[in-house]
Amino acid sequence: MKTPVFLLIVSSIALGGTLFLAGFSEFVLVTGPCFIASLVLVLRALTKHQRRWVILDGSNVMHWRDGTPQIETLQEVIRELQAAGYSPGVVFDANAGYLLSGAYQNDGALAKALGLSEERVMVVPKGAPADPTILTAARDLGARVVTNDRYRDWAEQHPEIHQPGYLIKGGYKAGKLWLNFDAPAKKSKIR
């Protein structure tokens, strides 16, 4: 964030100089675009820091409705999270595609099915558990995790899982999706 702000200050001074100092007006063709580019960088940095990330345990969430893996369940949860102001990312076990469609699906195929960009979806390699990837991504992004998993096997490496509200639990009750954004003991319903 420091570099974009520094560039904005320098380009503002340069643009001001070209506009108000006699004999420098021809440099506005250079300082004007520099000012605009640095302003864009600052705005992008600000929106990046304001993003509320959430990581979905895709292999867990896809089973929430009726205990059967369904892409529609993930799509609905993603829509609700986005409506609540979150930017979702999804991590799957390697076998997720087989469970959903009977064939392997990579990051791109699952991203397309979910309506997300490919950089927001990850299928971990065969034989690797998704849990540490989910928890590490959440830590790196300062995100919460949507899952009904308790991650007991990973509690020592990721003590943040015990923080109230860090894990967003959810499911279906009477056919309606609920997500618990509050402390573990309280359930708040979304629509």
Protein backbone atom coordinates (compact mmCIF):
# COMPACT_ATOMS: atom_id res chain seq x y z
CA MET A 1 0.00 0.00 0.00
CA LYS A 2 2.94 2.35 0.64
CA THR A 3 4.24 2.15 -2.92
CA PRO A 4 0.92 3.05 -4.65
CA VAL A 5 0.43 5.99 -2.25
CA PHE A 6 4.00 7.18 -2.86
CA LEU A 7 3.48 6.95 -6.63
CA LEU A 8 0.21 8.88 -6.33
CA ILE A 9 1.89 11.68 -4.36
CA VAL A 10 4.83 11.94 -6.79
CA SER A 11 2.59 11.83 -9.87
CA SER A 12 0.24 14.45 -8.32
CA ILE A 13 3.16 16.82 -7.74
CA ALA A 14 4.46 16.21 -11.28
CA LEU A 15 1.01 16.77 -12.80
CA GLY A 16 0.53 19.94 -10.77
CA GLY A 17 3.90 21.19 -11.95
CA THR A 18 3.08 20.57 -15.59
CA LEU A 19 -0.29 22.30 -15.27
CA PHE A 20 0.79 25.37 -13.29
CA LEU A 21 4.41 26.04 -14.23
CA ALA A 22 5.07 27.91 -17.45
CA GLY A 23 6.98 25.97 -20.06
CA PHE A 24 6.15 22.48 -18.76
CA SER A 25 2.67 22.02 -20.26
CA GLU A 26 3.90 19.54 -22.91
CA PHE A 27 4.80 17.08 -20.12
CA VAL A 28 1.12 16.68 -19.23
CA LEU A 29 1.06 13.86 -21.81
CA VAL A 30 3.38 11.93 -19.49
CA THR A 31 2.31 13.11 -16.02
CA GLY A 32 -1.44 12.80 -16.70
CA PRO A 33 -1.40 9.06 -17.47
CA CYS A 34 1.07 8.47 -14.60
CA PHE A 35 -1.35 10.19 -12.21
CA ILE A 36 -4.29 8.11 -13.48
CA ALA A 37 -2.32 4.86 -13.26
CA SER A 38 -1.17 5.59 -9.70
CA LEU A 39 -4.73 6.50 -8.69
CA VAL A 40 -5.95 3.15 -10.07
CA LEU A 41 -3.23 1.35 -8.08
CA VAL A 42 -4.31 3.08 -4.86
CA LEU A 43 -7.97 2.27 -5.45
CA ARG A 44 -7.16 -1.39 -6.20
CA ALA A 45 -5.06 -1.62 -3.04
CA LEU A 46 -7.89 -0.14 -0.98
CA THR A 47 -10.52 -2.52 -2.34
CA LYS A 48 -8.18 -5.49 -1.88
CA HIS A 49 -7.75 -4.64 1.81
CA GLN A 50 -11.50 -4.20 2.30
CA ARG A 51 -12.36 -7.62 0.91
CA ARG A 52 -13.81 -10.09 3.39
CA TRP A 53 -12.51 -13.44 2.27
CA VAL A 54 -14.08 -16.76 3.19
CA ILE A 55 -12.80 -20.22 2.27
CA LEU A 56 -15.30 -23.00 1.64
CA ASP A 57 -14.41 -26.58 2.45
CA GLY A 58 -15.96 -27.65 -0.85
CA SER A 59 -15.86 -31.37 -0.12
CA ASN A 60 -17.72 -30.80 3.14
CA VAL A 61 -20.24 -28.19 1.99
CA MET A 62 -21.30 -30.14 -1.12
CA HIS A 63 -22.85 -32.77 1.22
CA TRP A 64 -24.96 -30.36 3.28
CA ARG A 65 -28.26 -30.97 1.47
CA ASP A 66 -29.56 -34.50 2.01
CA GLY A 67 -26.05 -35.84 2.65
CA THR A 68 -25.41 -36.28 -1.08
CA PRO A 69 -22.76 -34.33 -3.01
CA GLN A 70 -24.41 -31.62 -5.12
CA ILE A 71 -22.87 -28.70 -7.02
CA GLU A 72 -26.14 -26.79 -6.50
CA THR A 73 -25.52 -26.79 -2.75
CA LEU A 74 -22.16 -25.10 -3.26
CA GLN A 75 -23.67 -22.63 -5.73
CA GLU A 76 -26.36 -21.62 -3.23
CA VAL A 77 -23.88 -21.23 -0.37
CA ILE A 78 -21.61 -19.11 -2.59
CA ARG A 79 -24.53 -16.86 -3.58
CA GLU A 80 -25.51 -16.37 0.07
CA LEU A 81 -21.94 -15.58 1.10
CA GLN A 82 -21.57 -13.07 -1.72
CA ALA A 83 -24.89 -11.47 -0.74
CA ALA A 84 -23.52 -11.15 2.80
CA GLY A 85 -20.45 -9.31 1.46
CA TYR A 86 -17.91 -12.13 1.40
CA SER A 87 -15.49 -13.05 -1.40
CA PRO A 88 -15.48 -16.86 -1.49
CA GLY A 89 -12.74 -19.25 -2.44
CA VAL A 90 -13.29 -23.02 -2.55
CA VAL A 91 -10.87 -25.88 -1.85
CA PHE A 92 -11.75 -29.48 -2.76
CA ASP A 93 -10.31 -32.91 -2.13
CA ALA A 94 -9.05 -34.58 -5.34
CA ASN A 95 -12.08 -36.89 -5.55
CA ALA A 96 -14.68 -34.08 -5.55
CA GLY A 97 -15.26 -34.25 -9.30
CA TYR A 98 -15.87 -38.00 -9.14
CA LEU A 99 -18.42 -37.49 -6.36
CA LEU A 100 -20.18 -34.70 -8.21
CA SER A 101 -20.11 -35.99 -11.79
CA GLY A 102 -18.47 -39.41 -11.94
CA ALA A 103 -15.26 -38.05 -13.49
CA TYR A 104 -12.22 -36.10 -12.35
CA GLN A 105 -12.69 -32.32 -12.47
CA ASN A 106 -9.83 -29.86 -12.19
CA ASP A 107 -9.81 -26.32 -10.78
CA GLY A 108 -11.08 -24.80 -14.02
CA ALA A 109 -13.98 -27.20 -14.48
CA LEU A 110 -15.21 -26.77 -10.92
CA ALA A 111 -14.69 -22.99 -11.07
CA LYS A 112 -16.85 -22.83 -14.19
CA ALA A 113 -19.57 -24.93 -12.55
CA LEU A 114 -19.51 -22.63 -9.51
CA GLY A 115 -19.43 -19.38 -11.46
CA LEU A 116 -16.12 -18.35 -9.90
CA SER A 117 -12.80 -17.41 -11.46
CA GLU A 118 -10.28 -20.23 -11.62
CA GLU A 119 -7.93 -18.59 -9.13
CA ARG A 120 -10.65 -18.89 -6.47
CA VAL A 121 -11.01 -22.68 -6.79
CA MET A 122 -8.45 -25.35 -5.94
CA VAL A 123 -8.52 -29.12 -6.18
CA VAL A 124 -5.71 -30.54 -4.05
CA PRO A 125 -3.53 -33.29 -5.55
CA LYS A 126 -4.56 -36.94 -5.18
CA GLY A 127 -3.50 -38.34 -1.83
CA ALA A 128 -3.18 -34.93 -0.16
CA PRO A 129 -5.77 -33.84 2.40
CA ALA A 130 -7.53 -30.56 1.64
CA ASP A 131 -7.78 -29.53 5.32
CA PRO A 132 -4.28 -28.05 5.74
CA THR A 133 -4.63 -26.19 2.43
CA ILE A 134 -7.98 -24.75 3.53
CA LEU A 135 -6.63 -23.66 6.91
CA THR A 136 -3.41 -22.21 5.48
CA ALA A 137 -5.30 -20.26 2.80
CA ALA A 138 -7.68 -18.90 5.44
CA ARG A 139 -4.75 -17.85 7.64
CA ASP A 140 -2.93 -16.19 4.74
CA LEU A 141 -6.03 -14.24 3.66
CA GLY A 142 -7.31 -13.45 7.14
CA ALA A 143 -10.42 -15.39 6.14
CA ARG A 144 -13.03 -17.48 7.91
CA VAL A 145 -13.81 -21.07 6.90
CA VAL A 146 -17.22 -22.42 5.88
CA THR A 147 -17.47 -26.06 6.99
CA ASN A 148 -19.02 -28.41 9.49
CA ASP A 149 -15.64 -30.07 10.00
CA ARG A 150 -14.01 -29.39 13.38
CA TYR A 151 -10.45 -29.91 12.10
CA ARG A 152 -9.39 -31.68 15.29
CA ASP A 153 -6.36 -33.23 13.54
CA TRP A 154 -5.09 -29.76 12.63
CA ALA A 155 -5.83 -27.88 15.87
CA GLU A 156 -2.22 -27.82 17.05
CA GLN A 157 -0.93 -26.25 13.81
CA HIS A 158 -4.01 -24.00 13.46
CA PRO A 159 -5.21 -22.91 16.92
CA GLU A 160 -7.35 -20.19 15.28
CA ILE A 161 -10.01 -22.85 14.62
CA HIS A 162 -11.00 -22.49 18.28
CA GLN A 163 -11.77 -18.77 17.94
CA PRO A 164 -15.53 -18.15 18.14
CA GLY A 165 -16.95 -17.57 14.68
CA TYR A 166 -13.81 -18.61 12.81
CA LEU A 167 -15.58 -21.68 11.45
CA ILE A 168 -18.89 -20.84 9.81
CA LYS A 169 -21.16 -23.84 10.20
CA GLY A 170 -24.18 -24.38 8.03
CA GLY A 171 -26.68 -26.76 6.54
CA TYR A 172 -30.32 -27.10 5.60
CA LYS A 173 -33.29 -27.04 7.93
CA ALA A 174 -36.76 -27.57 6.46
CA GLY A 175 -35.22 -27.15 3.00
CA LYS A 176 -33.73 -23.72 3.80
CA LEU A 177 -30.04 -22.91 3.93
CA TRP A 178 -28.69 -21.58 7.23
CA LEU A 179 -25.22 -20.26 7.94
CA ASN A 180 -23.94 -19.53 11.41
CA PHE A 181 -21.97 -16.28 11.15
CA ASP A 182 -22.02 -15.83 14.94
CA ALA A 183 -20.40 -17.70 17.80
CA PRO A 184 -20.73 -21.49 17.59
CA ALA A 185 -23.69 -21.71 19.98
CA LYS A 186 -25.94 -19.32 18.02
CA LYS A 187 -27.46 -19.90 14.60
CA SER A 188 -28.41 -16.97 12.44
CA LYS A 189 -30.43 -17.76 9.36
CA ILE A 190 -29.94 -16.25 5.97
CA ARG A 191 -33.19 -15.83 4.05
